[in-house]
Amino acid sequence: MSKELLVKPKDDRDILELLEAELDFVEKGGYGRSVRTPSLPTSLFQDSPSCFCFPFHDHNDTCVLMQFVPSERRSEGLPCHHIPLNEAGDTVALLERTGDQEEIEDVVKNWLREKIAEIQWGRRGNGL
């Protein structure tokens, strides 16, 4: 399991359940246009009901996703947008500038699946 998972967030929800809920949310089109504000784009992680900071977007050490954010990026306005999502180091922040919504969601879904599998494997190996 990666060293990022050693950071203990103040959010006491089970990280595996949170990531599974986020994957479900993305797969069901949860980041489509909001019914309340259809003219505004939605933002991955930030506009998710699985985000501890939703709907206030006050990302700090209470956010369970902070454990995946490199320490040097934790002071960013949206630190969860700086989580390395693949071997190339792509982040939501980078992909929002260069990719389309479908591409971003595909990369995030792959990252979520990998993290879910990694956590499940770690728990099986530790008898949890």
N, C-alpha and C. Protein backbone atom coordinates (compact mmCIF):
# COMPACT_ATOMS: atom_id res chain seq x y z
N MET A 1 0.84 -1.16 0.00
CA MET A 1 0.00 0.00 0.00
C MET A 1 0.90 1.23 0.00
N SER A 2 0.48 2.31 -0.65
CA SER A 2 1.32 3.48 -0.77
C SER A 2 1.45 4.22 0.55
N LYS A 3 2.53 4.99 0.69
CA LYS A 3 2.78 5.72 1.92
C LYS A 3 1.75 6.81 2.16
N GLU A 4 1.08 7.33 1.12
CA GLU A 4 0.07 8.36 1.30
C GLU A 4 -1.05 7.88 2.21
N LEU A 5 -1.32 6.58 2.23
CA LEU A 5 -2.41 6.06 3.04
C LEU A 5 -2.08 6.08 4.53
N LEU A 6 -0.86 6.44 4.88
CA LEU A 6 -0.48 6.51 6.28
C LEU A 6 -0.92 7.81 6.92
N VAL A 7 -1.28 8.82 6.13
CA VAL A 7 -1.76 10.08 6.67
C VAL A 7 -3.15 9.85 7.23
N LYS A 8 -3.38 10.25 8.46
CA LYS A 8 -4.67 10.02 9.13
C LYS A 8 -5.53 11.27 9.03
N PRO A 9 -6.60 11.25 8.24
CA PRO A 9 -7.49 12.40 8.16
C PRO A 9 -8.37 12.49 9.40
N LYS A 10 -8.95 13.65 9.61
CA LYS A 10 -9.87 13.83 10.73
C LYS A 10 -11.25 13.26 10.41
N ASP A 11 -11.50 12.99 9.15
CA ASP A 11 -12.74 12.37 8.71
C ASP A 11 -12.64 10.89 9.07
N ASP A 12 -13.58 10.38 9.86
CA ASP A 12 -13.47 9.00 10.32
C ASP A 12 -14.25 8.00 9.46
N ARG A 13 -14.71 8.44 8.28
CA ARG A 13 -15.39 7.49 7.40
C ARG A 13 -14.39 6.50 6.83
N ASP A 14 -14.86 5.32 6.51
CA ASP A 14 -14.01 4.29 5.93
C ASP A 14 -13.60 4.71 4.52
N ILE A 15 -12.30 4.80 4.29
CA ILE A 15 -11.79 5.25 3.01
C ILE A 15 -12.25 4.35 1.87
N LEU A 16 -12.32 3.06 2.11
CA LEU A 16 -12.77 2.14 1.06
C LEU A 16 -14.21 2.45 0.66
N GLU A 17 -15.07 2.64 1.63
CA GLU A 17 -16.47 2.97 1.33
C GLU A 17 -16.58 4.31 0.61
N LEU A 18 -15.77 5.26 1.02
CA LEU A 18 -15.79 6.58 0.39
C LEU A 18 -15.38 6.49 -1.08
N LEU A 19 -14.28 5.77 -1.36
CA LEU A 19 -13.82 5.64 -2.74
C LEU A 19 -14.81 4.86 -3.59
N GLU A 20 -15.44 3.84 -3.02
CA GLU A 20 -16.46 3.09 -3.75
C GLU A 20 -17.66 3.98 -4.06
N ALA A 21 -18.05 4.82 -3.12
CA ALA A 21 -19.16 5.75 -3.34
C ALA A 21 -18.82 6.77 -4.42
N GLU A 22 -17.57 7.24 -4.39
CA GLU A 22 -17.13 8.20 -5.40
C GLU A 22 -17.12 7.55 -6.78
N LEU A 23 -16.64 6.33 -6.89
CA LEU A 23 -16.64 5.63 -8.17
C LEU A 23 -18.06 5.45 -8.67
N ASP A 24 -18.96 5.05 -7.80
CA ASP A 24 -20.36 4.90 -8.17
C ASP A 24 -20.94 6.23 -8.66
N PHE A 25 -20.62 7.31 -7.96
CA PHE A 25 -21.09 8.65 -8.33
C PHE A 25 -20.61 9.03 -9.72
N VAL A 26 -19.32 8.81 -10.00
CA VAL A 26 -18.76 9.16 -11.31
C VAL A 26 -19.37 8.28 -12.39
N GLU A 27 -19.47 6.97 -12.14
CA GLU A 27 -20.01 6.06 -13.15
C GLU A 27 -21.46 6.35 -13.49
N LYS A 28 -22.20 6.90 -12.56
CA LYS A 28 -23.61 7.22 -12.80
C LYS A 28 -23.81 8.62 -13.35
N GLY A 29 -22.72 9.27 -13.74
CA GLY A 29 -22.83 10.59 -14.36
C GLY A 29 -23.02 11.72 -13.37
N GLY A 30 -22.59 11.53 -12.14
CA GLY A 30 -22.78 12.53 -11.10
C GLY A 30 -22.13 13.87 -11.37
N TYR A 31 -21.14 13.90 -12.24
CA TYR A 31 -20.48 15.16 -12.53
C TYR A 31 -21.03 15.84 -13.78
N GLY A 32 -22.22 15.41 -14.20
CA GLY A 32 -22.89 16.11 -15.28
C GLY A 32 -23.33 17.48 -14.77
N ARG A 33 -23.95 18.25 -15.59
CA ARG A 33 -24.39 19.59 -15.19
C ARG A 33 -25.38 19.51 -14.03
N SER A 34 -25.22 20.44 -13.11
CA SER A 34 -26.09 20.52 -11.95
C SER A 34 -27.49 20.99 -12.36
N VAL A 35 -28.50 20.44 -11.73
CA VAL A 35 -29.87 20.88 -11.99
C VAL A 35 -30.06 22.30 -11.49
N ARG A 36 -29.45 22.62 -10.34
CA ARG A 36 -29.59 23.95 -9.75
C ARG A 36 -28.81 25.02 -10.51
N THR A 37 -27.65 24.68 -11.03
CA THR A 37 -26.81 25.65 -11.73
C THR A 37 -26.29 25.04 -13.03
N PRO A 38 -27.19 24.81 -14.01
CA PRO A 38 -26.79 24.13 -15.24
C PRO A 38 -25.76 24.88 -16.08
N SER A 39 -25.63 26.18 -15.88
CA SER A 39 -24.66 26.94 -16.68
C SER A 39 -23.24 26.81 -16.12
N LEU A 40 -23.12 26.28 -14.90
CA LEU A 40 -21.80 26.13 -14.29
C LEU A 40 -21.30 24.70 -14.41
N PRO A 41 -20.04 24.52 -14.79
CA PRO A 41 -19.49 23.16 -14.85
C PRO A 41 -19.31 22.61 -13.44
N THR A 42 -19.31 21.29 -13.33
CA THR A 42 -19.02 20.67 -12.04
C THR A 42 -17.54 20.33 -11.99
N SER A 43 -17.04 20.13 -10.80
CA SER A 43 -15.62 19.89 -10.61
C SER A 43 -15.41 18.57 -9.88
N LEU A 44 -14.58 17.71 -10.47
CA LEU A 44 -14.33 16.41 -9.85
C LEU A 44 -13.81 16.55 -8.44
N PHE A 45 -14.24 15.66 -7.60
CA PHE A 45 -13.96 15.60 -6.17
C PHE A 45 -14.64 16.76 -5.44
N GLN A 46 -14.46 17.98 -5.90
CA GLN A 46 -14.98 19.14 -5.21
C GLN A 46 -16.50 19.13 -5.11
N ASP A 47 -17.18 18.72 -6.14
CA ASP A 47 -18.64 18.75 -6.17
C ASP A 47 -19.27 17.39 -5.90
N SER A 48 -18.55 16.55 -5.20
CA SER A 48 -19.04 15.22 -4.90
C SER A 48 -19.66 15.17 -3.51
N PRO A 49 -20.81 14.53 -3.38
CA PRO A 49 -21.37 14.36 -2.04
C PRO A 49 -20.54 13.43 -1.16
N SER A 50 -19.60 12.70 -1.74
CA SER A 50 -18.72 11.86 -0.92
C SER A 50 -17.57 12.69 -0.34
N CYS A 51 -17.44 13.93 -0.77
CA CYS A 51 -16.41 14.81 -0.23
C CYS A 51 -16.85 15.31 1.14
N PHE A 52 -15.96 15.16 2.12
CA PHE A 52 -16.26 15.59 3.47
C PHE A 52 -16.56 17.09 3.51
N CYS A 53 -15.97 17.85 2.60
CA CYS A 53 -16.11 19.30 2.58
C CYS A 53 -17.31 19.78 1.78
N PHE A 54 -18.02 18.89 1.11
CA PHE A 54 -19.18 19.24 0.30
C PHE A 54 -20.30 19.72 1.21
N PRO A 55 -21.03 20.75 0.92
CA PRO A 55 -20.93 21.63 -0.25
C PRO A 55 -20.09 22.87 -0.01
N PHE A 56 -19.31 22.92 1.06
CA PHE A 56 -18.61 24.14 1.43
C PHE A 56 -17.25 24.30 0.77
N HIS A 57 -16.69 23.23 0.26
CA HIS A 57 -15.42 23.25 -0.48
C HIS A 57 -14.27 23.82 0.33
N ASP A 58 -14.29 23.61 1.62
CA ASP A 58 -13.22 24.07 2.49
C ASP A 58 -12.26 22.89 2.71
N HIS A 59 -11.43 22.63 1.73
CA HIS A 59 -10.54 21.47 1.79
C HIS A 59 -9.36 21.76 2.71
N ASN A 60 -9.24 20.95 3.71
CA ASN A 60 -8.15 21.06 4.67
C ASN A 60 -7.86 19.67 5.19
N ASP A 61 -7.20 19.57 6.33
CA ASP A 61 -6.81 18.25 6.82
C ASP A 61 -7.99 17.40 7.27
N THR A 62 -9.20 17.95 7.26
CA THR A 62 -10.38 17.14 7.59
C THR A 62 -10.81 16.30 6.39
N CYS A 63 -10.38 16.66 5.21
CA CYS A 63 -10.80 15.96 3.99
C CYS A 63 -10.07 14.62 3.88
N VAL A 64 -10.83 13.55 3.77
CA VAL A 64 -10.26 12.21 3.69
C VAL A 64 -9.38 12.02 2.45
N LEU A 65 -9.60 12.79 1.41
CA LEU A 65 -8.78 12.67 0.20
C LEU A 65 -7.38 13.27 0.38
N MET A 66 -7.17 14.04 1.45
CA MET A 66 -5.86 14.65 1.67
C MET A 66 -4.75 13.62 1.78
N GLN A 67 -5.09 12.41 2.19
CA GLN A 67 -4.06 11.39 2.32
C GLN A 67 -3.44 10.99 0.98
N PHE A 68 -4.08 11.36 -0.12
CA PHE A 68 -3.57 11.06 -1.45
C PHE A 68 -2.85 12.26 -2.08
N VAL A 69 -2.93 13.42 -1.43
CA VAL A 69 -2.33 14.65 -1.96
C VAL A 69 -0.88 14.72 -1.51
N PRO A 70 0.04 14.94 -2.44
CA PRO A 70 1.44 15.10 -2.05
C PRO A 70 1.58 16.25 -1.04
N SER A 71 2.43 16.08 -0.06
CA SER A 71 2.55 17.06 1.02
C SER A 71 2.82 18.47 0.51
N GLU A 72 3.58 18.60 -0.55
CA GLU A 72 3.90 19.93 -1.07
C GLU A 72 2.71 20.61 -1.75
N ARG A 73 1.63 19.88 -1.98
CA ARG A 73 0.45 20.45 -2.65
C ARG A 73 -0.74 20.62 -1.70
N ARG A 74 -0.57 20.29 -0.45
CA ARG A 74 -1.69 20.32 0.51
C ARG A 74 -2.17 21.72 0.85
N SER A 75 -1.39 22.73 0.55
CA SER A 75 -1.81 24.10 0.83
C SER A 75 -2.53 24.74 -0.35
N GLU A 76 -2.66 24.01 -1.44
CA GLU A 76 -3.37 24.52 -2.62
C GLU A 76 -4.84 24.77 -2.29
N GLY A 77 -5.49 25.64 -3.05
CA GLY A 77 -6.90 25.94 -2.84
C GLY A 77 -7.78 24.70 -2.96
N LEU A 78 -7.48 23.85 -3.91
CA LEU A 78 -8.19 22.58 -4.10
C LEU A 78 -7.16 21.46 -4.10
N PRO A 79 -6.68 21.08 -2.93
CA PRO A 79 -5.61 20.08 -2.89
C PRO A 79 -5.97 18.77 -3.55
N CYS A 80 -7.25 18.37 -3.51
CA CYS A 80 -7.64 17.09 -4.12
C CYS A 80 -7.47 17.12 -5.64
N HIS A 81 -7.35 18.30 -6.22
CA HIS A 81 -7.12 18.41 -7.66
C HIS A 81 -5.65 18.19 -8.01
N HIS A 82 -4.82 17.93 -6.99
CA HIS A 82 -3.39 17.71 -7.21
C HIS A 82 -2.97 16.29 -6.84
N ILE A 83 -3.94 15.39 -6.73
CA ILE A 83 -3.65 13.99 -6.49
C ILE A 83 -3.12 13.38 -7.78
N PRO A 84 -1.94 12.78 -7.77
CA PRO A 84 -1.45 12.09 -8.97
C PRO A 84 -2.37 10.90 -9.28
N LEU A 85 -2.94 10.91 -10.47
CA LEU A 85 -3.95 9.91 -10.82
C LEU A 85 -3.43 8.75 -11.65
N ASN A 86 -2.23 8.88 -12.18
CA ASN A 86 -1.68 7.80 -13.01
C ASN A 86 -0.16 7.89 -13.00
N GLU A 87 0.49 6.96 -13.70
CA GLU A 87 1.95 6.90 -13.75
C GLU A 87 2.55 8.19 -14.31
N ALA A 88 1.82 8.86 -15.21
CA ALA A 88 2.31 10.10 -15.81
C ALA A 88 2.22 11.28 -14.83
N GLY A 89 1.52 11.09 -13.71
CA GLY A 89 1.38 12.15 -12.73
C GLY A 89 0.27 13.13 -13.04
N ASP A 90 -0.61 12.74 -13.97
CA ASP A 90 -1.73 13.63 -14.31
C ASP A 90 -2.60 13.86 -13.07
N THR A 91 -3.09 15.07 -12.94
CA THR A 91 -3.96 15.45 -11.84
C THR A 91 -5.24 16.03 -12.43
N VAL A 92 -6.26 16.19 -11.61
CA VAL A 92 -7.48 16.84 -12.08
C VAL A 92 -7.15 18.25 -12.55
N ALA A 93 -6.30 18.97 -11.80
CA ALA A 93 -5.94 20.33 -12.18
C ALA A 93 -5.34 20.38 -13.59
N LEU A 94 -4.43 19.46 -13.87
CA LEU A 94 -3.81 19.41 -15.19
C LEU A 94 -4.82 19.00 -16.26
N LEU A 95 -5.57 17.95 -15.99
CA LEU A 95 -6.52 17.44 -16.98
C LEU A 95 -7.64 18.42 -17.28
N GLU A 96 -8.02 19.23 -16.30
CA GLU A 96 -9.06 20.23 -16.57
C GLU A 96 -8.57 21.27 -17.57
N ARG A 97 -7.26 21.48 -17.64
CA ARG A 97 -6.71 22.44 -18.60
C ARG A 97 -6.49 21.82 -19.97
N THR A 98 -6.28 20.50 -20.02
CA THR A 98 -5.87 19.89 -21.28
C THR A 98 -6.84 18.86 -21.84
N GLY A 99 -7.73 18.31 -21.01
CA GLY A 99 -8.60 17.24 -21.47
C GLY A 99 -10.07 17.63 -21.46
N ASP A 100 -10.87 16.74 -21.95
CA ASP A 100 -12.31 16.97 -21.89
C ASP A 100 -12.89 16.21 -20.70
N GLN A 101 -14.13 16.51 -20.37
CA GLN A 101 -14.76 15.94 -19.17
C GLN A 101 -14.75 14.41 -19.20
N GLU A 102 -15.03 13.82 -20.33
CA GLU A 102 -15.05 12.36 -20.43
C GLU A 102 -13.67 11.77 -20.15
N GLU A 103 -12.64 12.39 -20.71
CA GLU A 103 -11.27 11.92 -20.47
C GLU A 103 -10.91 12.04 -18.99
N ILE A 104 -11.24 13.16 -18.39
CA ILE A 104 -10.95 13.38 -16.97
C ILE A 104 -11.64 12.31 -16.13
N GLU A 105 -12.92 12.08 -16.40
CA GLU A 105 -13.66 11.08 -15.64
C GLU A 105 -13.09 9.69 -15.82
N ASP A 106 -12.64 9.36 -17.02
CA ASP A 106 -12.02 8.04 -17.26
C ASP A 106 -10.76 7.87 -16.43
N VAL A 107 -9.92 8.90 -16.39
CA VAL A 107 -8.69 8.83 -15.60
C VAL A 107 -9.02 8.70 -14.12
N VAL A 108 -10.00 9.47 -13.64
CA VAL A 108 -10.40 9.41 -12.23
C VAL A 108 -10.99 8.05 -11.90
N LYS A 109 -11.82 7.51 -12.78
CA LYS A 109 -12.41 6.18 -12.53
C LYS A 109 -11.32 5.12 -12.43
N ASN A 110 -10.33 5.19 -13.32
CA ASN A 110 -9.23 4.23 -13.26
C ASN A 110 -8.46 4.37 -11.95
N TRP A 111 -8.20 5.60 -11.52
CA TRP A 111 -7.49 5.83 -10.25
C TRP A 111 -8.30 5.28 -9.08
N LEU A 112 -9.60 5.55 -9.09
CA LEU A 112 -10.46 5.06 -8.01
C LEU A 112 -10.44 3.53 -7.96
N ARG A 113 -10.57 2.90 -9.12
CA ARG A 113 -10.53 1.42 -9.16
C ARG A 113 -9.20 0.89 -8.62
N GLU A 114 -8.10 1.53 -8.99
CA GLU A 114 -6.78 1.09 -8.51
C GLU A 114 -6.66 1.25 -7.00
N LYS A 115 -7.11 2.38 -6.47
CA LYS A 115 -7.03 2.62 -5.03
C LYS A 115 -7.93 1.65 -4.27
N ILE A 116 -9.12 1.40 -4.79
CA ILE A 116 -10.04 0.46 -4.16
C ILE A 116 -9.40 -0.93 -4.10
N ALA A 117 -8.84 -1.37 -5.22
CA ALA A 117 -8.20 -2.70 -5.28
C ALA A 117 -7.00 -2.75 -4.33
N GLU A 118 -6.22 -1.68 -4.27
CA GLU A 118 -5.05 -1.61 -3.40
C GLU A 118 -5.47 -1.73 -1.92
N ILE A 119 -6.50 -1.01 -1.55
CA ILE A 119 -6.98 -1.06 -0.16
C ILE A 119 -7.56 -2.43 0.16
N GLN A 120 -8.36 -2.98 -0.75
CA GLN A 120 -8.93 -4.32 -0.53
C GLN A 120 -7.82 -5.35 -0.38
N TRP A 121 -6.81 -5.28 -1.22
CA TRP A 121 -5.69 -6.21 -1.16
C TRP A 121 -4.97 -6.07 0.19
N GLY A 122 -4.74 -4.83 0.59
CA GLY A 122 -4.07 -4.58 1.87
C GLY A 122 -4.85 -5.11 3.06
N ARG A 123 -6.15 -4.97 3.00
CA ARG A 123 -6.99 -5.46 4.11
C ARG A 123 -7.03 -6.97 4.13
N ARG A 124 -7.07 -7.60 2.99
CA ARG A 124 -7.06 -9.06 2.95
C ARG A 124 -5.75 -9.59 3.47
N GLY A 125 -4.65 -8.91 3.10
CA GLY A 125 -3.34 -9.33 3.54
C GLY A 125 -3.09 -9.14 5.02
N ASN A 126 -3.81 -8.22 5.61
CA ASN A 126 -3.65 -7.95 7.04
C ASN A 126 -4.71 -8.61 7.89
N GLY A 127 -5.57 -9.40 7.26
CA GLY A 127 -6.62 -10.09 8.01
C GLY A 127 -7.72 -9.18 8.49
N LEU A 128 -7.85 -7.98 7.86
CA LEU A 128 -8.90 -7.05 8.27
C LEU A 128 -10.21 -7.34 7.58
